[in-house]
Amino acid sequence: MSWGPDLWDSYHTVVEHVAKGTTDLVDVYGKFVKEKAELEKEYAKGLRKLIAKYEPKEIKKKKENEESSENSSFRIFLVETGYQAGQHELLAEHLSKVVVKEIQNKSAECHKTVKDNSKHANKEKEKMDTSYFTLEKAKLKYQKTFHDWKDSERNYEIADRDGTISRNEIMKMKIHTQAKLKLFEDSKAKYIEQLDKTNVEQREYFDCRLPGLVNSLQDVDRERIEFVRRVLERSVAGEREMVTMVNKCREGMEEAVAGICVEKDQNIVKERYKSGDLPPVDIQFEEMSLGREKKSSSLSRRMSRTNFTQKRNRQNLFQKK
């Protein structure tokens, strides 16, 4: 429903309403989108700091230094987290550099339209006020000439009945009265003409031009509201697209987690740290003999000799697996 027929007498109120809505494009929606972009940017920054803090050190690709599935999976997990951060950065850039700019441009466009509408309305009002002034001027002249004619006519009638005034003077008064009557009739005709003209202009102003200006403001308000709806829809669509990509990152995370193999990692530990040596053989019983002399009865010397013998035997006899 059009505003014009109902709000023709509330033009200034309508202008204030539309102007406020136009200002809100930047002060409300623009700031909201801008701050949301900052939050997305800060969140992405926090994710990247977290990744850098916990990223495992690179391991040289050697057989004995084979990376465990736990480490490699966690590394992939962090990579996917980095991709998530990238999606939040893309959303932040889209909001701050594209959406906010569009809001600013739309606000400027609406402000210009409202300003031009107000200028047009002022010109139309000035034209209407001029018509009212011209009508009032014609009416005052019509009233003045009427009273002048009546005064002249009354003076003429009094003089004509008096009998003491010469006929020549009475004739002059009659001619003067007729001249006043002519002026009255001319001013009356001009007054009627101007009245008709002003009424036509008044009908056009209040029935067409002013409602049309109000309807133009309504169009601005409608476009603004539709623009806000589109902006919010695009913001949601951007988030939905981001979430889709983030979910793909989560799928990569799930695959990485599924790649953790306990048996493999424990086997890597075994292969990395095993020496290849066999456990020592059983200690043989030594038969004591009275005729056998010992060079040393020291327990420490015997233990030292035993340790040396075991070490030498390992070096010479035991083979790695």
Protein backbone atom coordinates (compact mmCIF):
# COMPACT_ATOMS: atom_id res chain seq x y z
CA MET A 1 0.00 0.00 0.00
CA SER A 2 1.28 3.45 -0.94
CA TRP A 3 2.11 5.99 1.75
CA GLY A 4 1.12 9.05 -0.28
CA PRO A 5 -2.67 9.07 0.18
CA ASP A 6 -2.39 8.59 3.95
CA LEU A 7 0.84 10.42 4.80
CA TRP A 8 0.58 13.45 2.51
CA ASP A 9 0.36 15.70 5.58
CA SER A 10 3.30 14.00 7.35
CA TYR A 11 6.01 14.63 4.80
CA HIS A 12 8.65 15.84 7.27
CA THR A 13 7.99 12.89 9.58
CA VAL A 14 8.40 10.52 6.66
CA VAL A 15 11.65 12.23 5.65
CA GLU A 16 13.01 11.81 9.19
CA HIS A 17 12.02 8.13 9.23
CA VAL A 18 13.64 7.36 5.87
CA ALA A 19 16.75 9.41 6.70
CA LYS A 20 17.19 7.55 9.98
CA GLY A 21 16.88 4.20 8.21
CA THR A 22 19.48 5.33 5.69
CA THR A 23 21.83 6.36 8.50
CA ASP A 24 21.28 3.00 10.20
CA LEU A 25 22.68 1.25 7.14
CA VAL A 26 26.15 2.39 8.19
CA ASP A 27 25.71 3.00 11.92
CA VAL A 28 23.99 -0.33 12.60
CA TYR A 29 24.39 -2.86 9.80
CA GLY A 30 27.71 -1.59 8.50
CA LYS A 31 29.28 -1.57 11.97
CA PHE A 32 27.80 -4.98 12.78
CA VAL A 33 29.25 -6.59 9.65
CA LYS A 34 32.59 -4.83 10.20
CA GLU A 35 32.84 -6.01 13.81
CA LYS A 36 31.79 -9.52 12.83
CA ALA A 37 34.56 -9.54 10.24
CA GLU A 38 37.04 -8.52 12.95
CA LEU A 39 35.85 -11.40 15.13
CA GLU A 40 36.32 -13.86 12.27
CA LYS A 41 39.78 -12.44 11.61
CA GLU A 42 40.77 -12.65 15.28
CA TYR A 43 39.46 -16.21 15.51
CA ALA A 44 41.54 -17.22 12.48
CA LYS A 45 44.57 -15.48 14.00
CA GLY A 46 44.05 -17.40 17.25
CA LEU A 47 43.83 -20.69 15.37
CA ARG A 48 47.10 -20.02 13.56
CA LYS A 49 48.84 -19.16 16.84
CA LEU A 50 47.51 -22.39 18.32
CA ILE A 51 48.82 -24.37 15.34
CA ALA A 52 52.26 -22.78 15.58
CA LYS A 53 52.39 -23.53 19.31
CA TYR A 54 51.62 -27.22 19.06
CA GLU A 55 52.98 -28.19 15.64
CA PRO A 56 55.38 -31.17 16.00
CA LYS A 57 58.97 -30.70 14.91
CA GLU A 58 59.97 -32.17 11.58
CA ILE A 59 61.67 -35.55 11.77
CA LYS A 60 64.42 -36.60 9.35
CA LYS A 61 63.12 -39.25 7.03
CA LYS A 62 65.27 -42.17 8.12
CA LYS A 63 64.14 -45.68 8.76
CA GLU A 64 65.20 -45.57 12.39
CA ASN A 65 63.44 -42.19 12.78
CA GLU A 66 60.20 -43.16 11.15
CA GLU A 67 57.42 -40.85 12.37
CA SER A 68 54.65 -42.40 14.37
CA SER A 69 51.10 -42.42 13.09
CA GLU A 70 50.19 -40.43 16.17
CA ASN A 71 52.52 -37.57 15.20
CA SER A 72 51.78 -37.69 11.48
CA SER A 73 48.02 -37.75 12.13
CA PHE A 74 48.28 -34.85 14.56
CA ARG A 75 50.32 -32.95 11.96
CA ILE A 76 47.54 -33.49 9.39
CA PHE A 77 45.00 -32.50 12.05
CA LEU A 78 46.82 -29.19 12.50
CA VAL A 79 47.04 -28.67 8.72
CA GLU A 80 43.27 -29.06 8.44
CA THR A 81 42.91 -26.62 11.35
CA GLY A 82 44.99 -24.19 9.30
CA TYR A 83 42.58 -24.65 6.40
CA GLN A 84 39.76 -23.84 8.80
CA ALA A 85 41.55 -20.64 9.78
CA GLY A 86 41.86 -19.79 6.10
CA GLN A 87 38.10 -20.12 5.63
CA HIS A 88 37.46 -17.72 8.50
CA GLU A 89 39.97 -15.30 6.96
CA LEU A 90 38.18 -15.49 3.59
CA LEU A 91 34.84 -14.79 5.27
CA ALA A 92 36.35 -11.86 7.19
CA GLU A 93 37.79 -10.41 3.98
CA HIS A 94 34.48 -10.82 2.14
CA LEU A 95 32.56 -9.10 4.91
CA SER A 96 35.00 -6.23 5.45
CA LYS A 97 35.99 -5.46 1.87
CA VAL A 98 32.85 -6.34 -0.09
CA VAL A 99 29.74 -6.25 2.09
CA VAL A 100 30.73 -3.21 4.17
CA LYS A 101 31.65 -1.30 0.99
CA GLU A 102 28.28 -2.13 -0.56
CA ILE A 103 26.50 -0.92 2.58
CA GLN A 104 28.41 2.37 2.50
CA ASN A 105 27.62 2.89 -1.19
CA LYS A 106 23.93 2.11 -0.67
CA SER A 107 23.74 4.49 2.28
CA ALA A 108 25.31 7.30 0.23
CA GLU A 109 22.89 6.58 -2.64
CA CYS A 110 19.86 6.68 -0.33
CA HIS A 111 21.06 9.87 1.36
CA LYS A 112 21.40 11.56 -2.04
CA THR A 113 17.92 10.43 -3.09
CA VAL A 114 16.37 11.70 0.16
CA LYS A 115 18.25 15.00 -0.20
CA ASP A 116 17.07 15.46 -3.80
CA ASN A 117 13.52 14.57 -2.72
CA SER A 118 13.63 17.21 0.02
CA LYS A 119 14.89 19.84 -2.44
CA HIS A 120 12.09 18.97 -4.85
CA ALA A 121 9.55 19.12 -2.03
CA ASN A 122 10.81 22.56 -0.99
CA LYS A 123 10.50 23.83 -4.56
CA GLU A 124 6.97 22.48 -4.84
CA LYS A 125 6.05 24.09 -1.53
CA GLU A 126 7.55 27.39 -2.64
CA LYS A 127 5.46 27.24 -5.82
CA MET A 128 2.36 26.51 -3.78
CA ASP A 129 3.15 29.30 -1.32
CA THR A 130 3.66 31.68 -4.24
CA SER A 131 0.26 30.70 -5.60
CA TYR A 132 -1.32 31.31 -2.18
CA PHE A 133 0.41 34.68 -1.94
CA THR A 134 -0.77 35.68 -5.42
CA LEU A 135 -4.31 34.60 -4.55
CA GLU A 136 -4.25 36.52 -1.29
CA LYS A 137 -2.96 39.58 -3.10
CA ALA A 138 -5.73 39.32 -5.73
CA LYS A 139 -8.31 38.83 -2.97
CA LEU A 140 -7.13 41.90 -1.06
CA LYS A 141 -7.23 43.97 -4.24
CA TYR A 142 -10.69 42.61 -4.98
CA GLN A 143 -11.87 43.56 -1.49
CA LYS A 144 -10.27 47.03 -1.68
CA THR A 145 -11.75 47.87 -5.06
CA PHE A 146 -15.13 46.66 -3.82
CA HIS A 147 -15.05 49.00 -0.83
CA ASP A 148 -13.67 51.85 -2.96
CA TRP A 149 -16.48 51.37 -5.44
CA LYS A 150 -19.12 51.25 -2.70
CA ASP A 151 -17.73 54.35 -1.01
CA SER A 152 -17.68 56.21 -4.31
CA GLU A 153 -21.20 55.04 -5.12
CA ARG A 154 -22.50 56.11 -1.69
CA ASN A 155 -20.89 59.55 -2.05
CA TYR A 156 -22.39 59.92 -5.49
CA GLU A 157 -25.87 59.02 -4.27
CA ILE A 158 -25.63 61.44 -1.34
CA ALA A 159 -24.47 64.23 -3.59
CA ASP A 160 -27.18 63.49 -6.12
CA ARG A 161 -29.85 63.75 -3.42
CA ASP A 162 -28.34 66.79 -1.76
CA GLY A 163 -29.33 69.30 -4.46
CA THR A 164 -26.65 71.82 -3.50
CA ILE A 165 -23.91 70.32 -5.62
CA SER A 166 -23.67 71.31 -9.22
CA ARG A 167 -24.67 68.87 -11.92
CA ASN A 168 -21.19 69.06 -13.38
CA GLU A 169 -19.67 67.95 -10.08
CA ILE A 170 -22.25 65.20 -9.72
CA MET A 171 -21.40 64.01 -13.23
CA LYS A 172 -17.73 63.81 -12.27
CA MET A 173 -18.63 61.78 -9.21
CA LYS A 174 -20.74 59.46 -11.33
CA ILE A 175 -17.89 58.95 -13.80
CA HIS A 176 -15.53 58.35 -10.86
CA THR A 177 -17.94 55.77 -9.42
CA GLN A 178 -18.18 54.02 -12.76
CA ALA A 179 -14.38 53.92 -12.96
CA LYS A 180 -14.27 52.39 -9.48
CA LEU A 181 -16.85 49.85 -10.56
CA LYS A 182 -14.70 48.98 -13.57
CA LEU A 183 -11.66 48.49 -11.33
CA PHE A 184 -13.73 46.30 -9.01
CA GLU A 185 -15.01 44.18 -11.86
CA ASP A 186 -11.49 43.78 -13.26
CA SER A 187 -10.05 42.83 -9.85
CA LYS A 188 -12.97 40.47 -9.29
CA ALA A 189 -12.26 38.76 -12.59
CA LYS A 190 -8.58 38.49 -11.76
CA TYR A 191 -9.42 37.19 -8.30
CA ILE A 192 -11.73 34.52 -9.76
CA GLU A 193 -9.09 33.61 -12.32
CA GLN A 194 -6.38 33.33 -9.68
CA LEU A 195 -8.69 31.42 -7.36
CA ASP A 196 -9.35 28.84 -10.07
CA LYS A 197 -5.62 28.64 -10.83
CA THR A 198 -4.68 28.27 -7.17
CA ASN A 199 -7.32 25.60 -6.63
CA VAL A 200 -5.97 23.64 -9.59
CA GLU A 201 -2.42 23.96 -8.28
CA GLN A 202 -3.57 23.05 -4.78
CA ARG A 203 -5.29 19.88 -6.02
CA GLU A 204 -2.23 18.94 -8.05
CA TYR A 205 0.03 19.63 -5.07
CA PHE A 206 -1.92 17.78 -2.39
CA ASP A 207 -3.41 15.07 -4.59
CA CYS A 208 -0.44 14.35 -6.87
CA ARG A 209 2.88 16.07 -6.30
CA LEU A 210 3.13 15.82 -2.51
CA PRO A 211 1.83 12.21 -2.33
CA GLY A 212 4.21 11.42 -5.19
CA LEU A 213 7.14 12.75 -3.19
CA VAL A 214 6.02 10.68 -0.18
CA ASN A 215 5.72 7.62 -2.42
CA SER A 216 9.26 8.26 -3.69
CA LEU A 217 10.47 8.22 -0.09
CA GLN A 218 8.58 4.99 0.41
CA ASP A 219 10.44 3.53 -2.57
CA VAL A 220 13.74 4.52 -0.97
CA ASP A 221 12.68 2.89 2.30
CA ARG A 222 11.54 -0.25 0.49
CA GLU A 223 14.82 -0.51 -1.43
CA ARG A 224 16.75 0.00 1.80
CA ILE A 225 14.87 -2.77 3.61
CA GLU A 226 15.26 -5.14 0.66
CA PHE A 227 18.97 -4.29 0.56
CA VAL A 228 19.31 -5.10 4.27
CA ARG A 229 17.60 -8.42 3.65
CA ARG A 230 19.97 -9.22 0.78
CA VAL A 231 23.00 -8.27 2.86
CA LEU A 232 21.95 -10.52 5.73
CA GLU A 233 21.13 -13.34 3.30
CA ARG A 234 24.57 -13.00 1.69
CA SER A 235 26.21 -13.01 5.12
CA VAL A 236 24.41 -16.22 5.99
CA ALA A 237 25.29 -17.71 2.59
CA GLY A 238 28.94 -16.80 3.14
CA GLU A 239 28.91 -18.48 6.52
CA ARG A 240 27.17 -21.53 5.09
CA GLU A 241 29.81 -21.81 2.38
CA MET A 242 32.52 -21.41 5.01
CA VAL A 243 30.92 -24.09 7.17
CA THR A 244 30.79 -26.42 4.16
CA MET A 245 34.53 -26.04 3.66
CA VAL A 246 35.18 -26.30 7.41
CA ASN A 247 33.19 -29.54 7.46
CA LYS A 248 35.46 -30.87 4.71
CA CYS A 249 38.38 -29.95 6.92
CA ARG A 250 36.73 -31.87 9.73
CA GLU A 251 36.42 -34.86 7.44
CA GLY A 252 40.17 -34.62 6.85
CA MET A 253 40.65 -34.48 10.61
CA GLU A 254 38.54 -37.56 11.07
CA GLU A 255 40.59 -39.40 8.46
CA ALA A 256 43.77 -38.30 10.21
CA VAL A 257 42.48 -39.52 13.57
CA ALA A 258 41.44 -42.83 12.00
CA GLY A 259 45.00 -43.21 10.70
CA ILE A 260 46.44 -43.50 14.22
CA CYS A 261 47.61 -47.11 14.67
CA VAL A 262 48.67 -48.23 18.14
CA GLU A 263 50.42 -51.39 16.94
CA LYS A 264 52.40 -49.52 14.29
CA ASP A 265 53.55 -46.81 16.70
CA GLN A 266 54.59 -49.34 19.35
CA ASN A 267 56.49 -51.34 16.73
CA ILE A 268 58.28 -48.12 15.66
CA VAL A 269 59.38 -47.61 19.28
CA LYS A 270 60.67 -51.20 19.41
CA GLU A 271 62.60 -50.86 16.13
CA ARG A 272 63.98 -47.47 17.08
CA TYR A 273 65.39 -48.38 20.50
CA LYS A 274 66.27 -52.11 20.33
CA SER A 275 70.01 -52.92 20.62
CA GLY A 276 69.92 -56.32 18.94
CA ASP A 277 71.76 -57.95 21.84
CA LEU A 278 70.70 -61.24 23.45
CA PRO A 279 70.26 -61.63 27.19
CA PRO A 280 73.34 -63.07 29.01
CA VAL A 281 73.68 -66.87 29.31
CA ASP A 282 73.33 -68.68 32.60
CA ILE A 283 76.28 -68.36 34.98
CA GLN A 284 78.12 -71.66 35.29
CA PHE A 285 78.93 -73.27 38.60
CA GLU A 286 82.63 -73.23 39.39
CA GLU A 287 83.96 -76.35 41.14
CA MET A 288 86.33 -75.58 43.95
CA SER A 289 89.71 -77.41 44.10
CA LEU A 290 92.24 -77.37 46.99
CA GLY A 291 95.15 -77.74 44.70
CA ARG A 292 94.20 -74.70 42.60
CA GLU A 293 95.71 -71.43 43.60
CA LYS A 294 94.06 -68.11 43.13
CA LYS A 295 96.08 -65.08 42.26
CA SER A 296 93.63 -62.91 44.03
CA SER A 297 91.01 -63.61 46.60
CA SER A 298 89.57 -60.18 46.30
CA LEU A 299 85.89 -60.20 45.52
CA SER A 300 86.19 -56.93 43.65
CA ARG A 301 88.93 -58.33 41.45
CA ARG A 302 86.91 -61.44 40.74
CA MET A 303 83.83 -59.34 39.83
CA SER A 304 85.93 -57.14 37.60
CA ARG A 305 87.33 -60.18 35.84
CA THR A 306 83.86 -61.63 35.46
CA ASN A 307 82.44 -58.39 33.97
CA PHE A 308 85.34 -58.08 31.58
CA THR A 309 84.91 -61.65 30.46
CA GLN A 310 81.18 -61.19 29.86
CA LYS A 311 81.79 -57.97 27.89
CA ARG A 312 84.48 -59.63 25.80
CA ASN A 313 82.28 -62.62 25.14
CA ARG A 314 79.44 -60.38 23.97
CA GLN A 315 81.72 -58.56 21.59
CA ASN A 316 83.17 -61.69 20.11
CA LEU A 317 80.47 -64.32 20.33
CA PHE A 318 77.00 -62.76 20.31
CA GLN A 319 75.62 -61.81 16.97
CA LYS A 320 72.87 -59.27 16.29
CA LYS A 321 69.53 -60.53 15.18
